[in-house]
């Protein structure tokens, strides 16, 4: 796959993946912070696991976030420049 196609694919995947990743990171961090201060905001943990009020995506949310993260990492690794191996004469 050419580098430009890989870049385009990586950009599309990361644009899709940023929304659930941001929700997961933000809700998990806020839940931990509020737990430290003695507040138990369980609704943040529900959002963290994919239960969005009337839409319950809990069975699918974690695998989707995981696969999107793994795919974004792998496609990002293909964007690193390859080192040229120089053999001494």
PDB file of N, CA and C in Angstrom:
ATOM      1  N   UNK A   1       0.842  -1.172   0.000  1.00  0.00           N
ATOM      2  CA  UNK A   1       0.000   0.000   0.000  1.00  0.00           C
ATOM      3  C   UNK A   1       0.891   1.240   0.000  1.00  0.00           C
ATOM      4  N   UNK A   2       0.570   2.205  -0.817  1.00  0.00           N
ATOM      5  CA  UNK A   2       1.413   3.385  -0.899  1.00  0.00           C
ATOM      6  C   UNK A   2       1.262   4.250   0.350  1.00  0.00           C
ATOM      7  N   UNK A   3       2.239   5.117   0.523  1.00  0.00           N
ATOM      8  CA  UNK A   3       2.274   5.940   1.725  1.00  0.00           C
ATOM      9  C   UNK A   3       1.093   6.914   1.788  1.00  0.00           C
ATOM     10  N   UNK A   4       0.686   7.449   0.634  1.00  0.00           N
ATOM     11  CA  UNK A   4      -0.436   8.394   0.649  1.00  0.00           C
ATOM     12  C   UNK A   4      -1.747   7.691   0.983  1.00  0.00           C
ATOM     13  N   UNK A   5      -1.932   6.470   0.492  1.00  0.00           N
ATOM     14  CA  UNK A   5      -3.143   5.718   0.841  1.00  0.00           C
ATOM     15  C   UNK A   5      -3.153   5.364   2.327  1.00  0.00           C
ATOM     16  N   UNK A   6      -1.975   5.028   2.857  1.00  0.00           N
ATOM     17  CA  UNK A   6      -1.871   4.707   4.267  1.00  0.00           C
ATOM     18  C   UNK A   6      -2.184   5.936   5.120  1.00  0.00           C
ATOM     19  N   UNK A   7      -1.687   7.097   4.695  1.00  0.00           N
ATOM     20  CA  UNK A   7      -1.976   8.330   5.432  1.00  0.00           C
ATOM     21  C   UNK A   7      -3.464   8.649   5.424  1.00  0.00           C
ATOM     22  N   UNK A   8      -4.096   8.516   4.267  1.00  0.00           N
ATOM     23  CA  UNK A   8      -5.527   8.801   4.163  1.00  0.00           C
ATOM     24  C   UNK A   8      -6.335   7.834   5.028  1.00  0.00           C
ATOM     25  N   UNK A   9      -5.976   6.564   4.989  1.00  0.00           N
ATOM     26  CA  UNK A   9      -6.663   5.564   5.798  1.00  0.00           C
ATOM     27  C   UNK A   9      -6.469   5.855   7.286  1.00  0.00           C
ATOM     28  N   UNK A  10      -5.240   6.196   7.669  1.00  0.00           N
ATOM     29  CA  UNK A  10      -4.940   6.505   9.063  1.00  0.00           C
ATOM     30  C   UNK A  10      -5.738   7.725   9.529  1.00  0.00           C
ATOM     31  N   UNK A  11      -5.813   8.748   8.710  1.00  0.00           N
ATOM     32  CA  UNK A  11      -6.581   9.947   9.070  1.00  0.00           C
ATOM     33  C   UNK A  11      -8.056   9.635   9.247  1.00  0.00           C
ATOM     34  N   UNK A  12      -8.611   8.839   8.364  1.00  0.00           N
ATOM     35  CA  UNK A  12     -10.031   8.495   8.473  1.00  0.00           C
ATOM     36  C   UNK A  12     -10.314   7.684   9.734  1.00  0.00           C
ATOM     37  N   UNK A  13      -9.451   6.708   9.989  1.00  0.00           N
ATOM     38  CA  UNK A  13      -9.652   5.858  11.164  1.00  0.00           C
ATOM     39  C   UNK A  13      -9.505   6.670  12.448  1.00  0.00           C
ATOM     40  N   UNK A  14      -8.500   7.546  12.501  1.00  0.00           N
ATOM     41  CA  UNK A  14      -8.311   8.313  13.726  1.00  0.00           C
ATOM     42  C   UNK A  14      -9.424   9.346  13.917  1.00  0.00           C
ATOM     43  N   UNK A  15      -9.974   9.872  12.848  1.00  0.00           N
ATOM     44  CA  UNK A  15     -11.111  10.787  12.986  1.00  0.00           C
ATOM     45  C   UNK A  15     -12.329  10.061  13.536  1.00  0.00           C
ATOM     46  N   UNK A  16     -12.509   8.817  13.145  1.00  0.00           N
ATOM     47  CA  UNK A  16     -13.614   8.016  13.666  1.00  0.00           C
ATOM     48  C   UNK A  16     -13.324   7.590  15.108  1.00  0.00           C
ATOM     49  N   UNK A  17     -12.088   7.227  15.383  1.00  0.00           N
ATOM     50  CA  UNK A  17     -11.728   6.682  16.695  1.00  0.00           C
ATOM     51  C   UNK A  17     -11.622   7.743  17.781  1.00  0.00           C
ATOM     52  N   UNK A  18     -11.423   8.988  17.418  1.00  0.00           N
ATOM     53  CA  UNK A  18     -11.188  10.018  18.428  1.00  0.00           C
ATOM     54  C   UNK A  18     -12.419  10.251  19.296  1.00  0.00           C
ATOM     55  N   UNK A  19     -13.606  10.106  18.754  1.00  0.00           N
ATOM     56  CA  UNK A  19     -14.826  10.382  19.537  1.00  0.00           C
ATOM     57  C   UNK A  19     -15.012   9.362  20.659  1.00  0.00           C
ATOM     58  N   UNK A  20     -15.058   8.050  20.371  1.00  0.00           N
ATOM     59  CA  UNK A  20     -15.221   7.116  21.499  1.00  0.00           C
ATOM     60  C   UNK A  20     -14.020   7.090  22.442  1.00  0.00           C
ATOM     61  N   UNK A  21     -12.817   7.312  21.917  1.00  0.00           N
ATOM     62  CA  UNK A  21     -11.644   7.348  22.794  1.00  0.00           C
ATOM     63  C   UNK A  21     -11.698   8.545  23.730  1.00  0.00           C
ATOM     64  N   UNK A  22     -12.106   9.692  23.211  1.00  0.00           N
ATOM     65  CA  UNK A  22     -12.209  10.888  24.041  1.00  0.00           C
ATOM     66  C   UNK A  22     -13.268  10.705  25.123  1.00  0.00           C
ATOM     67  N   UNK A  23     -14.401  10.121  24.760  1.00  0.00           N
ATOM     68  CA  UNK A  23     -15.464   9.863  25.741  1.00  0.00           C
ATOM     69  C   UNK A  23     -14.954   8.917  26.828  1.00  0.00           C
ATOM     70  N   UNK A  24     -14.249   7.874  26.427  1.00  0.00           N
ATOM     71  CA  UNK A  24     -13.737   6.898  27.385  1.00  0.00           C
ATOM     72  C   UNK A  24     -12.704   7.514  28.316  1.00  0.00           C
ATOM     73  N   UNK A  25     -11.770   8.253  27.764  1.00  0.00           N
ATOM     74  CA  UNK A  25     -10.716   8.860  28.577  1.00  0.00           C
ATOM     75  C   UNK A  25     -11.286   9.921  29.511  1.00  0.00           C
ATOM     76  N   UNK A  26     -12.149  10.782  28.991  1.00  0.00           N
ATOM     77  CA  UNK A  26     -12.697  11.855  29.800  1.00  0.00           C
ATOM     78  C   UNK A  26     -13.576  11.326  30.934  1.00  0.00           C
ATOM     79  N   UNK A  27     -14.478  10.397  30.617  1.00  0.00           N
ATOM     80  CA  UNK A  27     -15.367   9.885  31.657  1.00  0.00           C
ATOM     81  C   UNK A  27     -14.601   9.063  32.696  1.00  0.00           C
ATOM     82  N   UNK A  28     -13.625   8.278  32.272  1.00  0.00           N
ATOM     83  CA  UNK A  28     -12.824   7.499  33.217  1.00  0.00           C
ATOM     84  C   UNK A  28     -11.972   8.380  34.113  1.00  0.00           C
ATOM     85  N   UNK A  29     -11.388   9.424  33.547  1.00  0.00           N
ATOM     86  CA  UNK A  29     -10.566  10.340  34.347  1.00  0.00           C
ATOM     87  C   UNK A  29     -11.412  11.127  35.333  1.00  0.00           C
ATOM     88  N   UNK A  30     -12.556  11.621  34.870  1.00  0.00           N
ATOM     89  CA  UNK A  30     -13.433  12.368  35.769  1.00  0.00           C
ATOM     90  C   UNK A  30     -13.975  11.475  36.884  1.00  0.00           C
ATOM     91  N   UNK A  31     -14.323  10.234  36.551  1.00  0.00           N
ATOM     92  CA  UNK A  31     -14.816   9.311  37.573  1.00  0.00           C
ATOM     93  C   UNK A  31     -13.747   9.074  38.640  1.00  0.00           C
ATOM     94  N   UNK A  32     -12.506   8.866  38.222  1.00  0.00           N
ATOM     95  CA  UNK A  32     -11.413   8.645  39.179  1.00  0.00           C
ATOM     96  C   UNK A  32     -11.175   9.893  40.029  1.00  0.00           C
ATOM     97  N   UNK A  33     -11.248  11.045  39.407  1.00  0.00           N
ATOM     98  CA  UNK A  33     -11.037  12.295  40.140  1.00  0.00           C
ATOM     99  C   UNK A  33     -12.127  12.505  41.185  1.00  0.00           C
ATOM    100  N   UNK A  34     -13.364  12.287  40.803  1.00  0.00           N
ATOM    101  CA  UNK A  34     -14.467  12.460  41.747  1.00  0.00           C
ATOM    102  C   UNK A  34     -14.450  11.388  42.839  1.00  0.00           C
ATOM    103  N   UNK A  35     -13.998  10.192  42.525  1.00  0.00           N
ATOM    104  CA  UNK A  35     -13.855   9.142  43.543  1.00  0.00           C
ATOM    105  C   UNK A  35     -12.846   9.578  44.600  1.00  0.00           C
ATOM    106  N   UNK A  36     -11.780  10.240  44.174  1.00  0.00           N
ATOM    107  CA  UNK A  36     -10.754  10.727  45.096  1.00  0.00           C
ATOM    108  C   UNK A  36     -11.347  11.701  46.111  1.00  0.00           C
ATOM    109  N   UNK A  37     -12.296  12.510  45.668  1.00  0.00           N
ATOM    110  CA  UNK A  37     -12.936  13.484  46.552  1.00  0.00           C
ATOM    111  C   UNK A  37     -14.162  12.922  47.269  1.00  0.00           C
ATOM    112  N   UNK A  38     -14.416  11.634  47.127  1.00  0.00           N
ATOM    113  CA  UNK A  38     -15.495  10.988  47.855  1.00  0.00           C
ATOM    114  C   UNK A  38     -16.850  11.050  47.171  1.00  0.00           C
ATOM    115  N   UNK A  39     -16.895  11.438  45.926  1.00  0.00           N
ATOM    116  CA  UNK A  39     -18.153  11.494  45.180  1.00  0.00           C
ATOM    117  C   UNK A  39     -18.266  10.267  44.290  1.00  0.00           C
ATOM    118  N   UNK A  40     -19.396   9.611  44.346  1.00  0.00           N
ATOM    119  CA  UNK A  40     -19.605   8.436  43.501  1.00  0.00           C
ATOM    120  C   UNK A  40     -20.608   8.787  42.401  1.00  0.00           C
ATOM    121  N   UNK A  41     -20.092   9.195  41.279  1.00  0.00           N
ATOM    122  CA  UNK A  41     -20.924   9.547  40.126  1.00  0.00           C
ATOM    123  C   UNK A  41     -20.952   8.346  39.181  1.00  0.00           C
ATOM    124  N   UNK A  42     -21.831   7.397  39.497  1.00  0.00           N
ATOM    125  CA  UNK A  42     -21.854   6.141  38.750  1.00  0.00           C
ATOM    126  C   UNK A  42     -22.267   6.333  37.295  1.00  0.00           C
ATOM    127  N   UNK A  43     -23.009   7.397  37.000  1.00  0.00           N
ATOM    128  CA  UNK A  43     -23.416   7.643  35.622  1.00  0.00           C
ATOM    129  C   UNK A  43     -22.203   7.889  34.727  1.00  0.00           C
ATOM    130  N   UNK A  44     -21.100   8.407  35.314  1.00  0.00           N
ATOM    131  CA  UNK A  44     -19.873   8.567  34.514  1.00  0.00           C
ATOM    132  C   UNK A  44     -19.301   7.205  34.124  1.00  0.00           C
ATOM    133  N   UNK A  45     -19.402   6.231  35.016  1.00  0.00           N
ATOM    134  CA  UNK A  45     -18.917   4.888  34.686  1.00  0.00           C
ATOM    135  C   UNK A  45     -19.797   4.237  33.638  1.00  0.00           C
ATOM    136  N   UNK A  46     -21.090   4.538  33.655  1.00  0.00           N
ATOM    137  CA  UNK A  46     -21.969   4.014  32.613  1.00  0.00           C
ATOM    138  C   UNK A  46     -21.594   4.589  31.249  1.00  0.00           C
ATOM    139  N   UNK A  47     -21.325   5.887  31.209  1.00  0.00           N
ATOM    140  CA  UNK A  47     -20.877   6.506  29.952  1.00  0.00           C
ATOM    141  C   UNK A  47     -19.540   5.914  29.533  1.00  0.00           C
ATOM    142  N   UNK A  48     -18.669   5.698  30.502  1.00  0.00           N
ATOM    143  CA  UNK A  48     -17.337   5.142  30.235  1.00  0.00           C
ATOM    144  C   UNK A  48     -17.422   3.774  29.556  1.00  0.00           C
ATOM    145  N   UNK A  49     -18.429   3.002  29.907  1.00  0.00           N
ATOM    146  CA  UNK A  49     -18.565   1.664  29.333  1.00  0.00           C
ATOM    147  C   UNK A  49     -19.507   1.590  28.143  1.00  0.00           C
ATOM    148  N   UNK A  50     -20.106   2.719  27.750  1.00  0.00           N
ATOM    149  CA  UNK A  50     -20.909   2.729  26.531  1.00  0.00           C
ATOM    150  C   UNK A  50     -22.404   2.782  26.713  1.00  0.00           C
ATOM    151  N   UNK A  51     -22.879   3.092  27.907  1.00  0.00           N
ATOM    152  CA  UNK A  51     -24.316   3.206  28.130  1.00  0.00           C
ATOM    153  C   UNK A  51     -24.679   4.691  28.079  1.00  0.00           C
ATOM    154  N   UNK A  52     -25.204   5.130  26.933  1.00  0.00           N
ATOM    155  CA  UNK A  52     -25.501   6.540  26.711  1.00  0.00           C
ATOM    156  C   UNK A  52     -26.999   6.788  26.851  1.00  0.00           C
ATOM    157  N   UNK A  53     -27.455   6.931  28.082  1.00  0.00           N
ATOM    158  CA  UNK A  53     -28.857   7.201  28.415  1.00  0.00           C
ATOM    159  C   UNK A  53     -29.804   6.218  27.741  1.00  0.00           C
ATOM    160  N   UNK A  54     -30.338   6.559  26.588  1.00  0.00           N
ATOM    161  CA  UNK A  54     -31.323   5.706  25.923  1.00  0.00           C
ATOM    162  C   UNK A  54     -30.688   4.691  24.971  1.00  0.00           C
ATOM    163  N   UNK A  55     -29.433   4.876  24.656  1.00  0.00           N
ATOM    164  CA  UNK A  55     -28.724   3.969  23.748  1.00  0.00           C
ATOM    165  C   UNK A  55     -27.698   3.185  24.560  1.00  0.00           C
ATOM    166  N   UNK A  56     -27.867   1.878  24.628  1.00  0.00           N
ATOM    167  CA  UNK A  56     -26.956   1.033  25.387  1.00  0.00           C
ATOM    168  C   UNK A  56     -26.051   0.284  24.416  1.00  0.00           C
ATOM    169  N   UNK A  57     -24.802   0.731  24.316  1.00  0.00           N
ATOM    170  CA  UNK A  57     -23.822   0.092  23.442  1.00  0.00           C
ATOM    171  C   UNK A  57     -22.772  -0.686  24.234  1.00  0.00           C
ATOM    172  N   UNK A  58     -23.080  -1.033  25.478  1.00  0.00           N
ATOM    173  CA  UNK A  58     -22.088  -1.678  26.334  1.00  0.00           C
ATOM    174  C   UNK A  58     -21.495  -2.959  25.750  1.00  0.00           C
ATOM    175  N   UNK A  59     -22.279  -3.840  25.116  1.00  0.00           N
ATOM    176  CA  UNK A  59     -21.644  -5.051  24.568  1.00  0.00           C
ATOM    177  C   UNK A  59     -20.700  -4.763  23.401  1.00  0.00           C
ATOM    178  N   UNK A  60     -20.906  -3.649  22.716  1.00  0.00           N
ATOM    179  CA  UNK A  60     -20.108  -3.350  21.527  1.00  0.00           C
ATOM    180  C   UNK A  60     -19.051  -2.278  21.747  1.00  0.00           C
ATOM    181  N   UNK A  61     -19.230  -1.441  22.749  1.00  0.00           N
ATOM    182  CA  UNK A  61     -18.391  -0.247  22.887  1.00  0.00           C
ATOM    183  C   UNK A  61     -16.927  -0.592  23.139  1.00  0.00           C
ATOM    184  N   UNK A  62     -16.658  -1.478  24.080  1.00  0.00           N
ATOM    185  CA  UNK A  62     -15.261  -1.823  24.388  1.00  0.00           C
ATOM    186  C   UNK A  62     -14.540  -2.481  23.219  1.00  0.00           C
ATOM    187  N   UNK A  63     -15.128  -3.478  22.544  1.00  0.00           N
ATOM    188  CA  UNK A  63     -14.420  -4.038  21.387  1.00  0.00           C
ATOM    189  C   UNK A  63     -14.219  -3.031  20.263  1.00  0.00           C
ATOM    190  N   UNK A  64     -15.200  -2.176  20.028  1.00  0.00           N
ATOM    191  CA  UNK A  64     -15.054  -1.169  18.964  1.00  0.00           C
ATOM    192  C   UNK A  64     -13.919  -0.210  19.293  1.00  0.00           C
ATOM    193  N   UNK A  65     -13.886   0.281  20.530  1.00  0.00           N
ATOM    194  CA  UNK A  65     -12.809   1.191  20.941  1.00  0.00           C
ATOM    195  C   UNK A  65     -11.461   0.483  20.858  1.00  0.00           C
ATOM    196  N   UNK A  66     -11.419  -0.770  21.286  1.00  0.00           N
ATOM    197  CA  UNK A  66     -10.167  -1.522  21.224  1.00  0.00           C
ATOM    198  C   UNK A  66      -9.674  -1.743  19.808  1.00  0.00           C
ATOM    199  N   UNK A  67     -10.570  -2.183  18.915  1.00  0.00           N
ATOM    200  CA  UNK A  67     -10.162  -2.414  17.528  1.00  0.00           C
ATOM    201  C   UNK A  67      -9.768  -1.121  16.825  1.00  0.00           C
ATOM    202  N   UNK A  68     -10.497  -0.047  17.068  1.00  0.00           N
ATOM    203  CA  UNK A  68     -10.139   1.236  16.460  1.00  0.00           C
ATOM    204  C   UNK A  68      -8.771   1.714  16.948  1.00  0.00           C
ATOM    205  N   UNK A  69      -8.492   1.516  18.232  1.00  0.00           N
ATOM    206  CA  UNK A  69      -7.196   1.910  18.778  1.00  0.00           C
ATOM    207  C   UNK A  69      -6.069   1.083  18.178  1.00  0.00           C
ATOM    208  N   UNK A  70      -6.259  -0.221  18.132  1.00  0.00           N
ATOM    209  CA  UNK A  70      -5.224  -1.097  17.561  1.00  0.00           C
ATOM    210  C   UNK A  70      -5.000  -0.776  16.089  1.00  0.00           C
ATOM    211  N   UNK A  71      -6.077  -0.565  15.335  1.00  0.00           N
ATOM    212  CA  UNK A  71      -5.946  -0.264  13.921  1.00  0.00           C
ATOM    213  C   UNK A  71      -5.256   1.080  13.704  1.00  0.00           C
ATOM    214  N   UNK A  72      -5.575   2.072  14.532  1.00  0.00           N
ATOM    215  CA  UNK A  72      -4.925   3.377  14.408  1.00  0.00           C
ATOM    216  C   UNK A  72      -3.440   3.279  14.733  1.00  0.00           C
ATOM    217  N   UNK A  73      -3.082   2.476  15.730  1.00  0.00           N
ATOM    218  CA  UNK A  73      -1.672   2.302  16.078  1.00  0.00           C
ATOM    219  C   UNK A  73      -0.920   1.601  14.958  1.00  0.00           C
ATOM    220  N   UNK A  74      -1.495   0.529  14.430  1.00  0.00           N
ATOM    221  CA  UNK A  74      -0.820  -0.218  13.362  1.00  0.00           C
ATOM    222  C   UNK A  74      -0.674   0.635  12.100  1.00  0.00           C
ATOM    223  N   UNK A  75      -1.734   1.341  11.723  1.00  0.00           N
ATOM    224  CA  UNK A  75      -1.620   2.177  10.528  1.00  0.00           C
ATOM    225  C   UNK A  75      -0.649   3.334  10.762  1.00  0.00           C
ATOM    226  N   UNK A  76      -0.564   3.821  12.005  1.00  0.00           N
ATOM    227  CA  UNK A  76       0.408   4.865  12.317  1.00  0.00           C
ATOM    228  C   UNK A  76       1.837   4.353  12.265  1.00  0.00           C
ATOM    229  N   UNK A  77       2.042   3.098  12.643  1.00  0.00           N
ATOM    230  CA  UNK A  77       3.393   2.530  12.571  1.00  0.00           C
ATOM    231  C   UNK A  77       3.886   2.416  11.130  1.00  0.00           C
ATOM    232  N   UNK A  78       2.956   2.195  10.201  1.00  0.00           N
ATOM    233  CA  UNK A  78       3.354   2.118   8.801  1.00  0.00           C
ATOM    234  C   UNK A  78       3.760   3.478   8.245  1.00  0.00           C
ATOM    235  N   UNK A  79       3.471   4.548   8.951  1.00  0.00           N
ATOM    236  CA  UNK A  79       3.845   5.878   8.482  1.00  0.00           C
ATOM    237  C   UNK A  79       5.258   6.274   8.896  1.00  0.00           C
ATOM    238  N   UNK A  80       5.863   5.520   9.821  1.00  0.00           N
ATOM    239  CA  UNK A  80       7.230   5.828  10.218  1.00  0.00           C
ATOM    240  C   UNK A  80       8.176   5.590   9.043  1.00  0.00           C
ATOM    241  N   UNK A  81       9.161   6.468   8.893  1.00  0.00           N
ATOM    242  CA  UNK A  81      10.132   6.231   7.808  1.00  0.00           C
ATOM    243  C   UNK A  81      10.982   5.009   8.114  1.00  0.00           C
ATOM    244  N   UNK A  82      11.247   4.272   7.089  1.00  0.00           N
ATOM    245  CA  UNK A  82      12.080   3.077   7.259  1.00  0.00           C
ATOM    246  C   UNK A  82      13.551   3.469   7.193  1.00  0.00           C
ATOM    247  N   UNK A  83      14.308   2.918   8.100  1.00  0.00           N
ATOM    248  CA  UNK A  83      15.745   3.203   8.138  1.00  0.00           C
ATOM    249  C   UNK A  83      16.439   2.411   7.048  1.00  0.00           C
ATOM    250  N   UNK A  84      17.363   3.054   6.369  1.00  0.00           N
ATOM    251  CA  UNK A  84      18.132   2.373   5.344  1.00  0.00           C
ATOM    252  C   UNK A  84      19.309   1.676   6.024  1.00  0.00           C
ATOM    253  N   UNK A  85      19.459   0.417   5.709  1.00  0.00           N
ATOM    254  CA  UNK A  85      20.539  -0.363   6.301  1.00  0.00           C
ATOM    255  C   UNK A  85      21.794  -0.156   5.443  1.00  0.00           C
ATOM    256  N   UNK A  86      22.835   0.305   6.102  1.00  0.00           N
ATOM    257  CA  UNK A  86      24.113   0.525   5.408  1.00  0.00           C
ATOM    258  C   UNK A  86      25.084  -0.544   5.851  1.00  0.00           C
ATOM    259  N   UNK A  87      25.600  -1.279   4.894  1.00  0.00           N
ATOM    260  CA  UNK A  87      26.566  -2.311   5.197  1.00  0.00           C
ATOM    261  C   UNK A  87      27.966  -1.765   4.966  1.00  0.00           C
ATOM    262  N   UNK A  88      28.845  -1.970   5.921  1.00  0.00           N
ATOM    263  CA  UNK A  88      30.236  -1.494   5.725  1.00  0.00           C
ATOM    264  C   UNK A  88      30.927  -2.315   4.641  1.00  0.00           C
ATOM    265  N   UNK A  89      31.713  -1.650   3.874  1.00  0.00           N
ATOM    266  CA  UNK A  89      32.457  -2.335   2.791  1.00  0.00           C
ATOM    267  C   UNK A  89      33.711  -2.976   3.300  1.00  0.00           C
TER     268      UNK A  89
END
